[in-house]
Amino acid sequence: MVFIRSKKIKGNTYYYLVRSVREGNRVKQITLDYLGTEKPSTDEFVRLKKRYDH
């Protein structure tokens, strides 16, 4: 599953494209790409998801 994760660091919000991967009984999140300080539009997210989703 690919989704957008936001992180607040020193009052600034940063966006990352993240994938969830199950390893045994645990779920691990892997950062695929840094998206910047502005949340991408829905169309941009769909394009990014297609590039990284297999």
PDB file of N, CA and C in Angstrom:
ATOM      1  N   MET A   1       0.839  -1.173   0.000  1.00  0.00           N
ATOM      2  CA  MET A   1       0.000   0.000   0.000  1.00  0.00           C
ATOM      3  C   MET A   1       0.886   1.239   0.000  1.00  0.00           C
ATOM      4  N   VAL A   2       0.642   2.143  -0.902  1.00  0.00           N
ATOM      5  CA  VAL A   2       1.409   3.380  -1.025  1.00  0.00           C
ATOM      6  C   VAL A   2       0.529   4.540  -0.576  1.00  0.00           C
ATOM      7  N   PHE A   3       1.080   5.438   0.245  1.00  0.00           N
ATOM      8  CA  PHE A   3       0.315   6.576   0.736  1.00  0.00           C
ATOM      9  C   PHE A   3       1.241   7.737   1.045  1.00  0.00           C
ATOM     10  N   ILE A   4       0.651   8.892   1.374  1.00  0.00           N
ATOM     11  CA  ILE A   4       1.421  10.088   1.705  1.00  0.00           C
ATOM     12  C   ILE A   4       1.496  10.230   3.213  1.00  0.00           C
ATOM     13  N   ARG A   5       2.690  10.440   3.733  1.00  0.00           N
ATOM     14  CA  ARG A   5       2.925  10.637   5.162  1.00  0.00           C
ATOM     15  C   ARG A   5       3.408  12.067   5.343  1.00  0.00           C
ATOM     16  N   SER A   6       2.843  12.763   6.324  1.00  0.00           N
ATOM     17  CA  SER A   6       3.322  14.114   6.633  1.00  0.00           C
ATOM     18  C   SER A   6       4.074  14.075   7.952  1.00  0.00           C
ATOM     19  N   LYS A   7       5.119  14.867   8.040  1.00  0.00           N
ATOM     20  CA  LYS A   7       5.911  14.984   9.265  1.00  0.00           C
ATOM     21  C   LYS A   7       6.065  16.461   9.588  1.00  0.00           C
ATOM     22  N   LYS A   8       5.843  16.807  10.847  1.00  0.00           N
ATOM     23  CA  LYS A   8       6.073  18.179  11.294  1.00  0.00           C
ATOM     24  C   LYS A   8       7.428  18.223  11.978  1.00  0.00           C
ATOM     25  N   ILE A   9       8.297  19.068  11.468  1.00  0.00           N
ATOM     26  CA  ILE A   9       9.633  19.225  12.020  1.00  0.00           C
ATOM     27  C   ILE A   9       9.863  20.714  12.240  1.00  0.00           C
ATOM     28  N   LYS A  10      10.052  21.079  13.495  1.00  0.00           N
ATOM     29  CA  LYS A  10      10.266  22.479  13.880  1.00  0.00           C
ATOM     30  C   LYS A  10       9.209  23.411  13.297  1.00  0.00           C
ATOM     31  N   GLY A  11       7.931  22.968  13.344  1.00  0.00           N
ATOM     32  CA  GLY A  11       6.824  23.790  12.888  1.00  0.00           C
ATOM     33  C   GLY A  11       6.555  23.744  11.393  1.00  0.00           C
ATOM     34  N   ASN A  12       7.413  23.101  10.625  1.00  0.00           N
ATOM     35  CA  ASN A  12       7.225  22.978   9.181  1.00  0.00           C
ATOM     36  C   ASN A  12       6.705  21.584   8.849  1.00  0.00           C
ATOM     37  N   THR A  13       5.822  21.483   7.856  1.00  0.00           N
ATOM     38  CA  THR A  13       5.270  20.195   7.436  1.00  0.00           C
ATOM     39  C   THR A  13       5.958  19.743   6.156  1.00  0.00           C
ATOM     40  N   TYR A  14       6.404  18.493   6.163  1.00  0.00           N
ATOM     41  CA  TYR A  14       7.070  17.888   5.011  1.00  0.00           C
ATOM     42  C   TYR A  14       6.293  16.639   4.614  1.00  0.00           C
ATOM     43  N   TYR A  15       6.212  16.362   3.311  1.00  0.00           N
ATOM     44  CA  TYR A  15       5.434  15.244   2.801  1.00  0.00           C
ATOM     45  C   TYR A  15       6.348  14.209   2.145  1.00  0.00           C
ATOM     46  N   TYR A  16       6.024  12.941   2.405  1.00  0.00           N
ATOM     47  CA  TYR A  16       6.794  11.818   1.887  1.00  0.00           C
ATOM     48  C   TYR A  16       5.851  10.783   1.297  1.00  0.00           C
ATOM     49  N   LEU A  17       6.290  10.102   0.250  1.00  0.00           N
ATOM     50  CA  LEU A  17       5.566   8.974  -0.305  1.00  0.00           C
ATOM     51  C   LEU A  17       6.093   7.731   0.402  1.00  0.00           C
ATOM     52  N   VAL A  18       5.196   6.951   0.995  1.00  0.00           N
ATOM     53  CA  VAL A  18       5.585   5.838   1.864  1.00  0.00           C
ATOM     54  C   VAL A  18       4.865   4.574   1.428  1.00  0.00           C
ATOM     55  N   ARG A  19       5.530   3.422   1.597  1.00  0.00           N
ATOM     56  CA  ARG A  19       4.924   2.109   1.325  1.00  0.00           C
ATOM     57  C   ARG A  19       4.931   1.296   2.610  1.00  0.00           C
ATOM     58  N   SER A  20       3.829   0.596   2.881  1.00  0.00           N
ATOM     59  CA  SER A  20       3.749  -0.331   4.009  1.00  0.00           C
ATOM     60  C   SER A  20       4.137  -1.714   3.519  1.00  0.00           C
ATOM     61  N   VAL A  21       5.021  -2.377   4.268  1.00  0.00           N
ATOM     62  CA  VAL A  21       5.481  -3.716   3.916  1.00  0.00           C
ATOM     63  C   VAL A  21       5.390  -4.589   5.161  1.00  0.00           C
ATOM     64  N   ARG A  22       4.752  -5.748   5.039  1.00  0.00           N
ATOM     65  CA  ARG A  22       4.658  -6.662   6.163  1.00  0.00           C
ATOM     66  C   ARG A  22       5.890  -7.553   6.194  1.00  0.00           C
ATOM     67  N   GLU A  23       6.530  -7.625   7.358  1.00  0.00           N
ATOM     68  CA  GLU A  23       7.662  -8.520   7.583  1.00  0.00           C
ATOM     69  C   GLU A  23       7.330  -9.372   8.791  1.00  0.00           C
ATOM     70  N   GLY A  24       6.838 -10.590   8.535  1.00  0.00           N
ATOM     71  CA  GLY A  24       6.399 -11.453   9.627  1.00  0.00           C
ATOM     72  C   GLY A  24       5.137 -10.883  10.247  1.00  0.00           C
ATOM     73  N   ASN A  25       5.172 -10.631  11.557  1.00  0.00           N
ATOM     74  CA  ASN A  25       4.014 -10.073  12.261  1.00  0.00           C
ATOM     75  C   ASN A  25       4.047  -8.560  12.343  1.00  0.00           C
ATOM     76  N   ARG A  26       5.065  -7.932  11.812  1.00  0.00           N
ATOM     77  CA  ARG A  26       5.232  -6.484  11.913  1.00  0.00           C
ATOM     78  C   ARG A  26       4.988  -5.814  10.566  1.00  0.00           C
ATOM     79  N   VAL A  27       4.562  -4.564  10.626  1.00  0.00           N
ATOM     80  CA  VAL A  27       4.397  -3.755   9.416  1.00  0.00           C
ATOM     81  C   VAL A  27       5.446  -2.654   9.458  1.00  0.00           C
ATOM     82  N   LYS A  28       6.208  -2.549   8.384  1.00  0.00           N
ATOM     83  CA  LYS A  28       7.302  -1.586   8.292  1.00  0.00           C
ATOM     84  C   LYS A  28       6.945  -0.559   7.225  1.00  0.00           C
ATOM     85  N   GLN A  29       7.265   0.703   7.469  1.00  0.00           N
ATOM     86  CA  GLN A  29       7.031   1.745   6.476  1.00  0.00           C
ATOM     87  C   GLN A  29       8.351   2.132   5.825  1.00  0.00           C
ATOM     88  N   ILE A  30       8.362   2.114   4.504  1.00  0.00           N
ATOM     89  CA  ILE A  30       9.561   2.441   3.737  1.00  0.00           C
ATOM     90  C   ILE A  30       9.296   3.737   2.977  1.00  0.00           C
ATOM     91  N   THR A  31      10.149   4.740   3.170  1.00  0.00           N
ATOM     92  CA  THR A  31      10.014   6.008   2.451  1.00  0.00           C
ATOM     93  C   THR A  31      10.507   5.823   1.019  1.00  0.00           C
ATOM     94  N   LEU A  32       9.642   6.113   0.069  1.00  0.00           N
ATOM     95  CA  LEU A  32       9.974   5.958  -1.344  1.00  0.00           C
ATOM     96  C   LEU A  32      10.490   7.244  -1.959  1.00  0.00           C
ATOM     97  N   ASP A  33       9.907   8.387  -1.540  1.00  0.00           N
ATOM     98  CA  ASP A  33      10.271   9.639  -2.174  1.00  0.00           C
ATOM     99  C   ASP A  33       9.913  10.809  -1.264  1.00  0.00           C
ATOM    100  N   TYR A  34      10.726  11.845  -1.289  1.00  0.00           N
ATOM    101  CA  TYR A  34      10.436  13.096  -0.595  1.00  0.00           C
ATOM    102  C   TYR A  34       9.622  13.956  -1.544  1.00  0.00           C
ATOM    103  N   LEU A  35       8.463  14.462  -1.088  1.00  0.00           N
ATOM    104  CA  LEU A  35       7.567  15.211  -1.967  1.00  0.00           C
ATOM    105  C   LEU A  35       7.648  16.715  -1.781  1.00  0.00           C
ATOM    106  N   GLY A  36       8.279  17.177  -0.723  1.00  0.00           N
ATOM    107  CA  GLY A  36       8.425  18.606  -0.512  1.00  0.00           C
ATOM    108  C   GLY A  36       7.534  19.121   0.600  1.00  0.00           C
ATOM    109  N   THR A  37       7.344  20.441   0.612  1.00  0.00           N
ATOM    110  CA  THR A  37       6.599  21.079   1.689  1.00  0.00           C
ATOM    111  C   THR A  37       5.140  21.332   1.332  1.00  0.00           C
ATOM    112  N   GLU A  38       4.750  21.096   0.098  1.00  0.00           N
ATOM    113  CA  GLU A  38       3.356  21.268  -0.298  1.00  0.00           C
ATOM    114  C   GLU A  38       2.763  19.915  -0.642  1.00  0.00           C
ATOM    115  N   LYS A  39       1.573  19.660  -0.094  1.00  0.00           N
ATOM    116  CA  LYS A  39       0.905  18.388  -0.346  1.00  0.00           C
ATOM    117  C   LYS A  39       0.552  18.276  -1.825  1.00  0.00           C
ATOM    118  N   PRO A  40       0.893  17.150  -2.472  1.00  0.00           N
ATOM    119  CA  PRO A  40       0.592  16.999  -3.893  1.00  0.00           C
ATOM    120  C   PRO A  40      -0.910  16.886  -4.139  1.00  0.00           C
ATOM    121  N   SER A  41      -1.334  17.291  -5.323  1.00  0.00           N
ATOM    122  CA  SER A  41      -2.746  17.176  -5.698  1.00  0.00           C
ATOM    123  C   SER A  41      -3.108  15.705  -5.854  1.00  0.00           C
ATOM    124  N   THR A  42      -4.392  15.436  -5.947  1.00  0.00           N
ATOM    125  CA  THR A  42      -4.867  14.060  -6.116  1.00  0.00           C
ATOM    126  C   THR A  42      -4.321  13.462  -7.406  1.00  0.00           C
ATOM    127  N   ASP A  43      -4.309  14.236  -8.487  1.00  0.00           N
ATOM    128  CA  ASP A  43      -3.788  13.739  -9.768  1.00  0.00           C
ATOM    129  C   ASP A  43      -2.306  13.400  -9.662  1.00  0.00           C
ATOM    130  N   GLU A  44      -1.550  14.250  -8.988  1.00  0.00           N
ATOM    131  CA  GLU A  44      -0.116  14.005  -8.797  1.00  0.00           C
ATOM    132  C   GLU A  44       0.105  12.753  -7.953  1.00  0.00           C
ATOM    133  N   PHE A  45      -0.708  12.579  -6.913  1.00  0.00           N
ATOM    134  CA  PHE A  45      -0.586  11.393  -6.063  1.00  0.00           C
ATOM    135  C   PHE A  45      -0.867  10.123  -6.863  1.00  0.00           C
ATOM    136  N   VAL A  46      -1.901  10.138  -7.703  1.00  0.00           N
ATOM    137  CA  VAL A  46      -2.230   8.968  -8.527  1.00  0.00           C
ATOM    138  C   VAL A  46      -1.062   8.645  -9.454  1.00  0.00           C
ATOM    139  N   ARG A  47      -0.463   9.666 -10.059  1.00  0.00           N
ATOM    140  CA  ARG A  47       0.694   9.447 -10.948  1.00  0.00           C
ATOM    141  C   ARG A  47       1.860   8.840 -10.193  1.00  0.00           C
ATOM    142  N   LEU A  48       2.163   9.380  -8.998  1.00  0.00           N
ATOM    143  CA  LEU A  48       3.260   8.852  -8.185  1.00  0.00           C
ATOM    144  C   LEU A  48       2.978   7.426  -7.739  1.00  0.00           C
ATOM    145  N   LYS A  49       1.746   7.172  -7.345  1.00  0.00           N
ATOM    146  CA  LYS A  49       1.368   5.832  -6.881  1.00  0.00           C
ATOM    147  C   LYS A  49       1.554   4.800  -7.978  1.00  0.00           C
ATOM    148  N   LYS A  50       1.173   5.156  -9.216  1.00  0.00           N
ATOM    149  CA  LYS A  50       1.349   4.231 -10.341  1.00  0.00           C
ATOM    150  C   LYS A  50       2.819   3.931 -10.583  1.00  0.00           C
ATOM    151  N   ARG A  51       3.677   4.932 -10.373  1.00  0.00           N
ATOM    152  CA  ARG A  51       5.109   4.742 -10.615  1.00  0.00           C
ATOM    153  C   ARG A  51       5.735   3.785  -9.595  1.00  0.00           C
ATOM    154  N   TYR A  52       5.264   3.851  -8.333  1.00  0.00           N
ATOM    155  CA  TYR A  52       5.885   3.049  -7.279  1.00  0.00           C
ATOM    156  C   TYR A  52       5.119   1.790  -6.904  1.00  0.00           C
ATOM    157  N   ASP A  53       3.846   1.683  -7.271  1.00  0.00           N
ATOM    158  CA  ASP A  53       3.036   0.521  -6.913  1.00  0.00           C
ATOM    159  C   ASP A  53       3.258  -0.601  -7.899  1.00  0.00           C
ATOM    160  N   HIS A  54       3.538  -1.804  -7.399  1.00  0.00           N
ATOM    161  CA  HIS A  54       3.661  -2.931  -8.313  1.00  0.00           C
ATOM    162  C   HIS A  54       2.875  -4.090  -7.836  1.00  0.00           C
TER     163      HIS A  54
END
